[in-house]
Each structure stands twice: as C-alpha cells, then as structure tokens.
Amino acid sequence: MTHGPGDVVVTGVGLALPGAATPGALLRRAAAPATGPAPEPFDTAVRIGRRGHRYKDRATRLALCAALDALRDAALIPADGEEVTVPGDTVGVVASSNLGNLDTACLTAAAIAERSAMDLSPMSLPNASSNVIASWVAIRHGLRGPNLMLCNGATSGLDAVHWGATLVAAGRVRRAVVIGVETHNAVVEDLLGRPADELLDGAAALVVEGARWAEARGVPAAAALGPYERRAGLTGCIEALLPGGAAPGVWFTPERYAERPAGAVPVPETVPRYDVTDAVGRSSGALGVLQCAAAVGWLTRAEAGRRAGGGTGSGAGDGAAFGDRAASDAGARAAPDPAAAPGPGPVPDPGPVPDPGSAAEALASVPVSAEVSASAPVPVLAEVSASVPVSRQALITSGDDTADAVAGLLLRPTPARCHRPPAARAPLSAMECSR
C-alpha cells in the first residue's frame, strides 16, 4: 500500500456547480437528489467576470471559478483580489478532466481535415491542448509550482488528489490546487451516448497543503488526507484501505454503483452511502474531487454533531479542530454552509516520512522557497492515523470492477493539537534563499 502523507490537509474547497455552493449543500443534494426542473447552469461570469471568459472554453472557465473559490477559502487570495499572498512557486496545480476540451480538439481536427490549418484561430488553438485547464489556472493566479494534467479515466479525480498530496509530501511545493472539471456539449454527448441532463457541467477544487505551513499561516484545516490505494478491483482496493473489515463512517461510492448480493458487499450495509453523481450527473474525471468536497461536508457535519453531543470514546474532543471555517475566516467564503458549526481550532502537522521508493521520495530532491521567517518555530503535532478511529473517516472510491482500475482514499477529521514544545525550523536551503 502507498500511504497518503499524514501531514497533508485540506485547507480550501471550491465549487462551481448548479445548485450547490458549499460542501454541505453538495452532500445534501447527494443524499436527496432534487426532483423537478434542473437548476440553471452555473454562471461563470458572476465569479470571474468578463476577463475570465476571453478565448477560454467552458471547462476552463468552470475550473477557474472553482479554483478561485478554493484559494479564497484557504485564505491564499484576498476577497477582492486574484494574486496569491504567498510566493507563487510554493503553489502547484493538478487538474483532472477526461472530456473537458474534447469538443475543441474534435472541431480543430475537423477544420484541418475539411479545409486547412490556416482556418484556425491562433487564440483558440491552445484550447486543443489537454493541459490548458491546469495552465490557465496557474497563469491567472501566478502559481509557478509544478503543473500537472491528468486524463486517465474513472480514477482520474482521486489520482489527482493523490498526486497533489505527493507533491506536497515530497517538498516540491507547500500547497497545491487540485481541480476536477467536466462539461457537456454535442461532442461529449455523442461520444458517451447520453443526454446532457445525465452529465456533469461543473467543477470542484481543493487546496491540499502541508499542515505546518497551514498552521504557520493561521489557517484551519477541513480534513486530513489518509491512505490512498489503486487496485484492479473494488473489493481488493477497499480491503487494502480498511484491513480486517473495519467499517468507515461513510462510503462515497463509485459512479452509479450497484449493490451486490448480501455477503458480497465490500463495505458493511450499515454504513451510509452517497453517490454524488446522483446529484450532479456522471462526472468522469471530476468525480474524485467532487467526492472529496462532499466528504468534507460530511466530516464537518459529523464533527459538529460530536461536539454538540459531547463526544465519546478515545476520539472525544478531536472535533475541536472542525467547523465552518467561513465563520472564522471572514470573507473566505461568501456563502457559508448553514449546516456547519462555528469555531475551528488549530491544524495538526503529523509529518511522516514518505515510504522508501514511493513517488514522494522520487520527487523530494527539489525544495521550495520560503514564505516564513527562518526563525519561525514549526509546531510538532500528533500523528493523524493514530488519533482518528476508522468509524469517523470517510471512504472514497472511484471506478469499479468493470473499469481498468479502482482508486480509493480515506479522508479524516483533523485531530486536536498535540501539546509538545515547538521545534525550530530547519535552515533554509540554498535554493530557497535564492528565490
């Protein structure tokens, strides 16, 4: 198993979806899909304005909206600006979309085949590149860290979350924006053989960040990333994530998952299930990121309930790090989730060493620049996995036994701060000092 770095947390969530402005609202829609007329398509002009529309396709505009929302939620961008308040080379971008620019690529190829390349617009041609979504997000906000685009099927969204966390754990960046986006149009509908009302037209974004850097900025975490697994089958993936048949607190199932006969179900039937595609449509490469956003809504609600009930068991009190961060980060989110509770606490930094031979170790050779003083102390905090029982964790899976692969991830509540003396920050490297 490749263990997710325990010191990587989610500090921001952004959505560009019709009818769901917050993780809590997305969770409620997944629990009880709306009936009647579909909500109006998300209006990107309201969030990013006219300048955000020029020469950009629909998927890119949706991604820009979700990324802006997540960066503001993480207090990396002021409410009235677009430039990050930390050095741009400490922020990376990982985007996932299987179909986002399919229409542009097909129309471009058709124009060349039917006429000639001379008929193509030089301003719209960059949209034919698969990495245009990640590139425009980086350009718009001055993000100069690693920039990756994933287009690898049903697991693409969870894979993107994993690679964003890997970049952070390896020291390539201190934080990364992870985006999942898909849209529908005539080309996508023809390829998939499905009508528009069955397909997603929206985006979700997360900011994944090293807990020590989030705490240095005074920003609370919404969740901590647990282990990630990628296997050929759903049952094997879940068993690797939850050895011994442990039951999670909730399961965000693969797209349109069909329950199996009794005894063959990989997760106990008593565990609540959510399929976010029931609420927003078949989501392809955006699914994993949407699932993580909904899981943040579930964790926030669950931890608020624990605090209201006083908490029980060894994890009692850990929920003090939870709540509606919009209530404490004024202006970070324009429309806070009414189901969430106020009063977040500090962010932990368990800081494990990546497994030898892992992707994190392979990336660890390139450090990032500093945005805090070399003399600033970095608190030493408790290990996430040792503090949070499985029953309080969210299991997220994408892909099933009919797909080429299945990806799974555990998302956990943030445990309370461990009261240890602060340790001095390691000296800056030559590369950090030169930037």
Protein backbone atom coordinates (compact mmCIF):
# COMPACT_ATOMS: atom_id res chain seq x y z
CA MET A 1 0.00 0.00 0.00
CA THR A 2 1.10 3.56 -0.70
CA HIS A 3 0.24 5.53 2.41
CA GLY A 4 -1.06 9.06 1.94
CA PRO A 5 1.16 11.59 3.70
CA GLY A 6 -0.37 12.23 7.11
CA ASP A 7 0.85 15.79 7.23
CA VAL A 8 -1.18 16.89 4.19
CA VAL A 9 -4.51 18.55 4.94
CA VAL A 10 -7.33 20.17 3.01
CA THR A 11 -7.44 23.90 3.72
CA GLY A 12 -9.78 25.07 0.97
CA VAL A 13 -12.74 23.77 -1.03
CA GLY A 14 -14.27 25.44 -4.07
CA LEU A 15 -17.29 24.50 -6.17
CA ALA A 16 -18.68 25.69 -9.49
CA LEU A 17 -21.88 23.66 -9.64
CA PRO A 18 -25.52 24.47 -10.32
CA GLY A 19 -27.49 24.35 -7.08
CA ALA A 20 -24.60 23.52 -4.69
CA ALA A 21 -22.37 26.34 -3.46
CA THR A 22 -20.79 24.57 -0.46
CA PRO A 23 -19.65 21.06 0.51
CA GLY A 24 -22.65 20.76 2.84
CA ALA A 25 -25.05 21.67 0.06
CA LEU A 26 -23.41 19.11 -2.26
CA LEU A 27 -23.77 16.45 0.44
CA ARG A 28 -27.44 17.25 0.92
CA ARG A 29 -28.09 17.05 -2.82
CA ALA A 30 -26.33 13.68 -2.96
CA ALA A 31 -28.47 12.42 -0.07
CA ALA A 32 -31.73 13.60 -1.62
CA PRO A 33 -31.38 14.39 -5.34
CA ALA A 34 -33.71 17.19 -6.35
CA THR A 35 -36.76 16.46 -8.42
CA GLY A 36 -38.40 18.75 -10.93
CA PRO A 37 -36.68 21.19 -13.28
CA ALA A 38 -32.89 21.12 -13.29
CA PRO A 39 -31.14 24.18 -11.82
CA GLU A 40 -29.81 26.79 -14.19
CA PRO A 41 -26.25 26.20 -15.46
CA PHE A 42 -23.51 27.73 -13.34
CA ASP A 43 -22.85 31.32 -14.44
CA THR A 44 -19.08 31.68 -14.61
CA ALA A 45 -19.28 35.40 -15.39
CA VAL A 46 -20.61 36.11 -11.90
CA ARG A 47 -17.44 34.78 -10.27
CA ILE A 48 -14.60 35.51 -12.70
CA GLY A 49 -16.04 38.34 -14.78
CA ARG A 50 -15.62 39.13 -18.46
CA ARG A 51 -11.82 38.87 -18.44
CA GLY A 52 -12.05 35.26 -17.38
CA HIS A 53 -14.09 34.33 -20.46
CA ARG A 54 -11.97 35.54 -23.31
CA TYR A 55 -10.61 32.76 -25.56
CA LYS A 56 -11.37 30.09 -22.94
CA ASP A 57 -13.64 27.07 -23.31
CA ARG A 58 -16.40 26.17 -20.88
CA ALA A 59 -14.34 23.62 -18.91
CA THR A 60 -11.52 26.10 -18.35
CA ARG A 61 -13.92 28.80 -17.15
CA LEU A 62 -15.55 26.38 -14.70
CA ALA A 63 -12.13 25.32 -13.42
CA LEU A 64 -11.11 28.96 -12.92
CA CYS A 65 -14.27 29.54 -10.87
CA ALA A 66 -13.72 26.53 -8.62
CA ALA A 67 -10.02 27.26 -8.16
CA LEU A 68 -10.70 30.88 -7.21
CA ASP A 69 -13.29 29.73 -4.66
CA ALA A 70 -10.88 27.19 -3.14
CA LEU A 71 -7.95 29.61 -2.97
CA ARG A 72 -10.09 32.18 -1.22
CA ASP A 73 -11.48 29.55 1.14
CA ALA A 74 -7.87 28.66 2.03
CA ALA A 75 -7.09 32.36 2.65
CA LEU A 76 -4.46 32.30 -0.12
CA ILE A 77 -6.23 35.02 -2.11
CA PRO A 78 -7.95 38.08 -0.62
CA ALA A 79 -11.67 38.53 -1.22
CA ASP A 80 -11.00 41.46 -3.55
CA GLY A 81 -8.01 40.09 -5.47
CA GLU A 82 -6.69 37.24 -7.62
CA GLU A 83 -2.97 37.06 -6.78
CA VAL A 84 -1.88 34.64 -4.09
CA THR A 85 -0.49 36.10 -0.87
CA VAL A 86 2.34 33.54 -0.70
CA PRO A 87 5.22 33.07 -3.17
CA GLY A 88 3.82 31.64 -6.39
CA ASP A 89 6.46 28.92 -6.60
CA THR A 90 5.14 27.38 -3.38
CA VAL A 91 1.81 26.55 -5.06
CA GLY A 92 1.31 23.80 -7.65
CA VAL A 93 -1.68 22.87 -9.81
CA VAL A 94 -3.04 19.40 -10.57
CA ALA A 95 -6.14 19.21 -12.77
CA SER A 96 -8.25 16.26 -13.87
CA SER A 97 -10.60 16.13 -16.86
CA ASN A 98 -11.22 13.38 -19.37
CA LEU A 99 -13.59 15.27 -21.65
CA GLY A 100 -13.10 18.96 -20.89
CA ASN A 101 -11.62 20.06 -24.20
CA LEU A 102 -12.88 17.19 -26.34
CA ASP A 103 -15.09 19.46 -28.41
CA THR A 104 -12.23 21.85 -29.18
CA ALA A 105 -9.91 19.01 -30.18
CA CYS A 106 -12.54 17.40 -32.43
CA LEU A 107 -13.59 20.66 -34.07
CA THR A 108 -9.95 21.62 -34.65
CA ALA A 109 -9.18 18.27 -36.26
CA ALA A 110 -12.30 18.52 -38.43
CA ALA A 111 -11.38 22.03 -39.58
CA ILE A 112 -7.90 20.90 -40.59
CA ALA A 113 -9.26 17.82 -42.40
CA GLU A 114 -12.02 19.68 -44.25
CA ARG A 115 -10.13 22.89 -45.03
CA SER A 116 -6.63 23.70 -43.74
CA ALA A 117 -4.76 24.80 -40.64
CA MET A 118 -4.90 28.35 -41.99
CA ASP A 119 -8.57 28.49 -40.96
CA LEU A 120 -7.77 28.01 -37.27
CA SER A 121 -7.75 30.92 -34.85
CA PRO A 122 -4.35 31.31 -33.14
CA MET A 123 -6.16 32.47 -30.00
CA SER A 124 -8.41 29.43 -29.66
CA LEU A 125 -5.90 26.77 -30.77
CA PRO A 126 -4.25 26.46 -27.30
CA ASN A 127 -7.59 25.13 -26.03
CA ALA A 128 -6.95 21.97 -28.05
CA SER A 129 -4.16 21.05 -25.62
CA SER A 130 -5.23 18.78 -22.77
CA ASN A 131 -3.26 20.74 -20.18
CA VAL A 132 -4.95 24.05 -21.00
CA ILE A 133 -7.11 23.85 -17.84
CA ALA A 134 -4.19 23.50 -15.41
CA SER A 135 -2.17 26.06 -17.34
CA TRP A 136 -4.81 28.79 -17.25
CA VAL A 137 -5.39 28.34 -13.53
CA ALA A 138 -1.67 28.79 -12.93
CA ILE A 139 -1.42 31.80 -15.23
CA ARG A 140 -4.47 33.51 -13.76
CA HIS A 141 -3.21 33.34 -10.19
CA GLY A 142 0.57 33.41 -10.67
CA LEU A 143 1.10 29.81 -9.47
CA ARG A 144 4.62 28.81 -10.53
CA GLY A 145 4.91 25.38 -8.90
CA PRO A 146 4.61 22.05 -10.76
CA ASN A 147 1.69 21.94 -13.17
CA LEU A 148 0.06 18.59 -14.00
CA MET A 149 -2.95 17.46 -16.00
CA LEU A 150 -4.50 14.01 -15.57
CA CYS A 151 -6.84 12.38 -18.11
CA ASN A 152 -6.91 8.74 -17.06
CA GLY A 153 -10.48 7.59 -16.80
CA ALA A 154 -12.73 6.89 -13.84
CA THR A 155 -9.98 7.19 -11.22
CA SER A 156 -8.57 10.42 -12.59
CA GLY A 157 -10.02 12.74 -9.91
CA LEU A 158 -8.77 10.71 -6.91
CA ASP A 159 -5.46 10.21 -8.67
CA ALA A 160 -5.16 13.99 -8.99
CA VAL A 161 -5.77 14.43 -5.25
CA HIS A 162 -3.10 11.82 -4.57
CA TRP A 163 -0.56 13.49 -6.85
CA GLY A 164 -1.26 16.89 -5.35
CA ALA A 165 -0.61 15.44 -1.89
CA THR A 166 2.53 13.69 -3.19
CA LEU A 167 3.95 16.97 -4.46
CA VAL A 168 3.40 18.48 -1.01
CA ALA A 169 4.78 15.50 0.89
CA ALA A 170 7.87 15.43 -1.34
CA GLY A 171 8.65 19.08 -0.67
CA ARG A 172 8.15 20.21 -4.25
CA VAL A 173 5.51 22.68 -3.09
CA ARG A 174 3.92 23.68 0.19
CA ARG A 175 0.42 23.53 -1.19
CA ALA A 176 -1.37 22.52 -4.40
CA VAL A 177 -4.68 23.34 -6.03
CA VAL A 178 -6.41 20.16 -7.22
CA ILE A 179 -9.23 20.63 -9.74
CA GLY A 180 -11.73 18.25 -11.28
CA VAL A 181 -13.90 19.52 -14.12
CA GLU A 182 -16.14 18.17 -16.86
CA THR A 183 -18.75 19.71 -19.11
CA HIS A 184 -21.23 18.51 -21.68
CA ASN A 185 -21.76 19.54 -25.27
CA ALA A 186 -22.78 17.87 -28.52
CA VAL A 187 -19.40 16.17 -28.98
CA VAL A 188 -19.33 14.74 -25.43
CA GLU A 189 -22.95 13.62 -25.64
CA ASP A 190 -22.28 11.85 -28.94
CA LEU A 191 -19.17 10.10 -27.59
CA LEU A 192 -20.85 8.88 -24.38
CA GLY A 193 -24.26 8.25 -25.92
CA ARG A 194 -26.00 10.10 -23.10
CA PRO A 195 -28.15 13.23 -23.00
CA ALA A 196 -26.91 16.45 -21.42
CA ASP A 197 -29.10 16.14 -18.33
CA GLU A 198 -27.21 12.97 -17.30
CA LEU A 199 -23.78 14.61 -17.48
CA LEU A 200 -21.88 16.96 -15.18
CA ASP A 201 -21.41 20.57 -16.15
CA GLY A 202 -19.30 21.86 -13.29
CA ALA A 203 -16.06 21.77 -11.34
CA ALA A 204 -14.68 21.23 -7.85
CA ALA A 205 -11.34 22.25 -6.39
CA LEU A 206 -9.35 21.52 -3.23
CA VAL A 207 -6.31 23.17 -1.72
CA VAL A 208 -4.09 20.46 -0.22
CA GLU A 209 -1.35 21.85 1.99
CA GLY A 210 1.37 20.81 4.38
CA ALA A 211 -0.15 21.16 7.84
CA ARG A 212 2.85 23.04 9.20
CA TRP A 213 2.52 25.69 6.51
CA ALA A 214 -1.22 25.99 7.04
CA GLU A 215 -0.65 26.44 10.75
CA ALA A 216 2.10 28.97 10.13
CA ARG A 217 -0.46 30.99 8.16
CA GLY A 218 -3.07 30.54 10.91
CA VAL A 219 -5.47 28.70 8.62
CA PRO A 220 -7.59 25.80 9.98
CA ALA A 221 -7.85 22.53 8.09
CA ALA A 222 -11.09 20.98 6.88
CA ALA A 223 -9.76 17.43 6.74
CA ALA A 224 -6.59 15.35 6.68
CA LEU A 225 -5.68 13.03 3.82
CA GLY A 226 -5.33 9.38 4.77
CA PRO A 227 -4.04 6.41 2.76
CA TYR A 228 -4.56 6.13 -0.98
CA GLU A 229 -4.83 2.85 -2.85
CA ARG A 230 -5.07 1.86 -6.50
CA ARG A 231 -6.01 -1.71 -7.41
CA ALA A 232 -7.57 -3.72 -10.20
CA GLY A 233 -10.77 -4.46 -8.28
CA LEU A 234 -13.06 -2.65 -5.87
CA THR A 235 -13.03 -5.28 -3.13
CA GLY A 236 -9.23 -5.52 -3.11
CA CYS A 237 -8.92 -1.74 -3.01
CA ILE A 238 -11.26 -1.40 -0.02
CA GLU A 239 -9.70 -4.31 1.85
CA ALA A 240 -6.28 -2.70 1.46
CA LEU A 241 -7.58 0.61 2.81
CA LEU A 242 -9.62 -0.98 5.62
CA PRO A 243 -7.88 -4.19 6.73
CA GLY A 244 -9.82 -6.51 8.96
CA GLY A 245 -13.18 -5.43 7.59
CA ALA A 246 -13.25 -2.19 9.58
CA ALA A 247 -16.35 -0.09 8.86
CA PRO A 248 -15.84 3.57 7.87
CA GLY A 249 -18.23 6.29 8.94
CA VAL A 250 -19.45 6.82 5.36
CA TRP A 251 -18.78 5.50 1.87
CA PHE A 252 -18.73 7.68 -1.23
CA THR A 253 -19.33 5.02 -3.84
CA PRO A 254 -18.15 4.73 -7.44
CA GLU A 255 -20.34 6.31 -10.09
CA ARG A 256 -23.77 4.60 -10.21
CA TYR A 257 -22.56 1.76 -8.02
CA ALA A 258 -24.91 -1.22 -7.95
CA GLU A 259 -25.16 -3.02 -4.63
CA ARG A 260 -24.10 -6.65 -4.63
CA PRO A 261 -25.87 -9.60 -3.01
CA ALA A 262 -25.63 -9.88 0.77
CA GLY A 263 -22.22 -11.13 1.83
CA ALA A 264 -20.50 -9.85 -1.31
CA VAL A 265 -20.65 -6.17 -0.40
CA PRO A 266 -17.14 -4.79 0.30
CA VAL A 267 -18.49 -2.33 2.91
CA PRO A 268 -21.00 -3.28 5.65
CA GLU A 269 -24.57 -2.48 4.66
CA THR A 270 -25.00 -0.38 7.81
CA VAL A 271 -22.51 2.21 6.52
CA PRO A 272 -24.23 5.22 4.89
CA ARG A 273 -23.59 5.55 1.15
CA TYR A 274 -23.51 8.58 -1.11
CA ASP A 275 -23.22 8.73 -4.90
CA VAL A 276 -22.54 12.36 -5.81
CA THR A 277 -23.31 11.64 -9.46
CA ASP A 278 -26.98 11.25 -8.49
CA ALA A 279 -26.89 14.95 -7.66
CA VAL A 280 -24.66 16.43 -10.36
CA GLY A 281 -24.58 13.90 -13.19
CA ARG A 282 -21.97 11.46 -14.45
CA SER A 283 -18.70 13.14 -13.59
CA SER A 284 -15.87 11.19 -15.26
CA GLY A 285 -12.54 12.87 -14.41
CA ALA A 286 -14.10 15.28 -11.91
CA LEU A 287 -15.65 12.58 -9.73
CA GLY A 288 -12.86 12.05 -7.19
CA VAL A 289 -12.50 15.75 -6.43
CA LEU A 290 -16.27 16.14 -6.09
CA GLN A 291 -16.34 13.16 -3.72
CA CYS A 292 -13.65 14.74 -1.56
CA ALA A 293 -15.60 18.01 -1.43
CA ALA A 294 -18.75 16.18 -0.34
CA ALA A 295 -16.71 14.21 2.21
CA VAL A 296 -15.53 17.50 3.73
CA GLY A 297 -19.21 18.40 4.14
CA TRP A 298 -19.88 15.05 5.84
CA LEU A 299 -16.87 15.36 8.17
CA THR A 300 -17.84 18.89 9.15
CA ARG A 301 -21.39 17.82 9.94
CA ALA A 302 -20.24 14.71 11.83
CA GLU A 303 -17.71 16.60 13.95
CA ALA A 304 -20.25 19.32 14.71
CA GLY A 305 -22.59 16.59 15.92
CA ARG A 306 -19.86 15.11 18.09
CA ARG A 307 -19.23 18.46 19.74
CA ALA A 308 -22.92 19.04 20.29
CA GLY A 309 -23.23 15.59 21.90
CA GLY A 310 -20.08 15.93 23.97
CA GLY A 311 -18.13 13.25 22.08
CA THR A 312 -17.43 9.69 23.17
CA GLY A 313 -14.54 7.27 23.10
CA SER A 314 -10.86 7.96 22.62
CA GLY A 315 -11.52 10.47 19.91
CA ALA A 316 -13.62 12.77 22.11
CA GLY A 317 -12.59 16.33 21.73
CA ASP A 318 -10.76 15.86 18.46
CA GLY A 319 -13.62 17.62 16.72
CA ALA A 320 -12.43 20.93 18.19
CA ALA A 321 -10.48 21.40 15.00
CA PHE A 322 -13.64 21.32 12.96
CA GLY A 323 -16.48 23.60 11.95
CA ASP A 324 -17.46 26.09 9.29
CA ARG A 325 -14.19 27.82 8.54
CA ALA A 326 -16.04 30.61 6.82
CA ALA A 327 -17.29 31.71 10.22
CA SER A 328 -13.73 32.29 11.47
CA ASP A 329 -12.04 33.27 8.20
CA ALA A 330 -14.11 36.35 7.42
CA GLY A 331 -14.65 36.75 3.73
CA ALA A 332 -13.07 33.40 2.82
CA ARG A 333 -16.40 32.03 1.58
CA ALA A 334 -19.27 34.26 0.57
CA ALA A 335 -21.97 31.70 1.34
CA PRO A 336 -21.07 29.54 4.37
CA ASP A 337 -22.82 26.22 4.74
CA PRO A 338 -25.67 26.66 7.21
CA ALA A 339 -25.31 23.03 8.34
CA ALA A 340 -21.76 23.56 9.55
CA ALA A 341 -20.82 24.63 13.05
CA PRO A 342 -18.57 27.58 14.01
CA GLY A 343 -15.34 27.57 15.91
CA PRO A 344 -12.48 25.75 14.16
CA GLY A 345 -9.32 25.02 16.09
CA PRO A 346 -5.66 24.55 15.20
CA VAL A 347 -4.31 22.49 12.32
CA PRO A 348 -2.12 19.43 13.05
CA ASP A 349 1.18 18.56 11.41
CA PRO A 350 1.99 14.90 11.95
CA GLY A 351 4.73 14.99 9.30
CA PRO A 352 5.58 11.33 8.48
CA VAL A 353 8.45 10.39 6.21
CA PRO A 354 7.32 9.10 2.77
CA ASP A 355 7.67 5.36 2.21
CA PRO A 356 11.05 4.45 0.62
CA GLY A 357 10.74 4.02 -3.10
CA SER A 358 7.47 5.94 -3.25
CA ALA A 359 6.62 8.67 -5.73
CA ALA A 360 7.08 11.16 -2.90
CA GLU A 361 10.71 10.11 -2.43
CA ALA A 362 11.37 10.40 -6.15
CA LEU A 363 10.13 14.00 -6.13
CA ALA A 364 11.79 15.03 -2.88
CA SER A 365 15.01 16.35 -4.39
CA VAL A 366 13.65 19.80 -5.29
CA PRO A 367 12.82 22.10 -2.33
CA VAL A 368 10.56 25.12 -2.44
CA SER A 369 11.05 28.74 -1.45
CA ALA A 370 10.14 30.03 2.00
CA GLU A 371 7.38 32.44 2.82
CA VAL A 372 8.00 32.48 6.59
CA SER A 373 11.00 33.57 8.60
CA ALA A 374 13.78 31.05 9.10
CA SER A 375 13.48 31.64 12.84
CA ALA A 376 9.73 30.92 12.92
CA PRO A 377 9.00 27.82 15.04
CA VAL A 378 7.14 24.93 13.47
CA PRO A 379 4.91 23.05 15.98
CA VAL A 380 5.33 19.30 16.27
CA LEU A 381 1.91 17.68 16.18
CA ALA A 382 0.24 14.31 16.64
CA GLU A 383 0.00 11.52 14.09
CA VAL A 384 -3.37 11.63 12.33
CA SER A 385 -3.79 7.91 11.76
CA ALA A 386 -3.16 7.11 15.43
CA SER A 387 -5.76 9.60 16.65
CA VAL A 388 -8.84 9.04 14.50
CA PRO A 389 -10.88 5.80 14.54
CA VAL A 390 -11.99 4.38 11.21
CA SER A 391 -15.63 4.96 12.15
CA ARG A 392 -15.01 8.71 11.89
CA GLN A 393 -13.33 8.54 8.48
CA ALA A 394 -14.81 8.86 5.00
CA LEU A 395 -14.07 6.15 2.43
CA ILE A 396 -13.96 7.43 -1.14
CA THR A 397 -13.72 5.14 -4.19
CA SER A 398 -13.78 5.78 -7.92
CA GLY A 399 -14.03 3.11 -10.59
CA ASP A 400 -15.38 -0.41 -10.14
CA ASP A 401 -14.71 -3.95 -11.31
CA THR A 402 -15.74 -3.03 -14.87
CA ALA A 403 -13.08 -0.32 -15.08
CA ASP A 404 -9.36 -0.73 -15.74
CA ALA A 405 -8.55 0.28 -12.15
CA VAL A 406 -10.11 1.38 -8.88
CA ALA A 407 -8.74 4.20 -6.71
CA GLY A 408 -9.59 4.65 -3.06
CA LEU A 409 -8.80 7.29 -0.44
CA LEU A 410 -9.59 7.86 3.22
CA LEU A 411 -10.40 11.39 4.35
CA ARG A 412 -10.15 12.06 8.07
CA PRO A 413 -11.11 14.73 10.57
CA THR A 414 -8.23 16.79 11.86
CA PRO A 415 -7.16 15.74 15.36
CA ALA A 416 -6.50 18.23 18.15
CA ARG A 417 -3.08 19.77 18.51
CA CYS A 418 -0.54 17.73 20.40
CA HIS A 419 0.87 19.89 23.19
CA ARG A 420 4.57 19.45 22.63
CA PRO A 421 7.29 22.11 22.73
CA PRO A 422 7.77 23.78 19.32
CA ALA A 423 10.79 22.74 17.30
CA ALA A 424 12.96 25.18 15.41
CA ARG A 425 12.53 25.24 11.65
CA ALA A 426 15.29 23.63 9.60
CA PRO A 427 17.74 26.06 7.96
CA LEU A 428 16.83 27.33 4.53
CA SER A 429 18.44 25.59 1.60
CA ALA A 430 20.50 27.44 -0.97
CA MET A 431 17.65 27.14 -3.48
CA GLU A 432 15.16 28.62 -1.02
CA CYS A 433 17.45 31.53 -0.21
CA SER A 434 18.00 32.30 -3.88
CA ARG A 435 14.30 32.90 -4.60
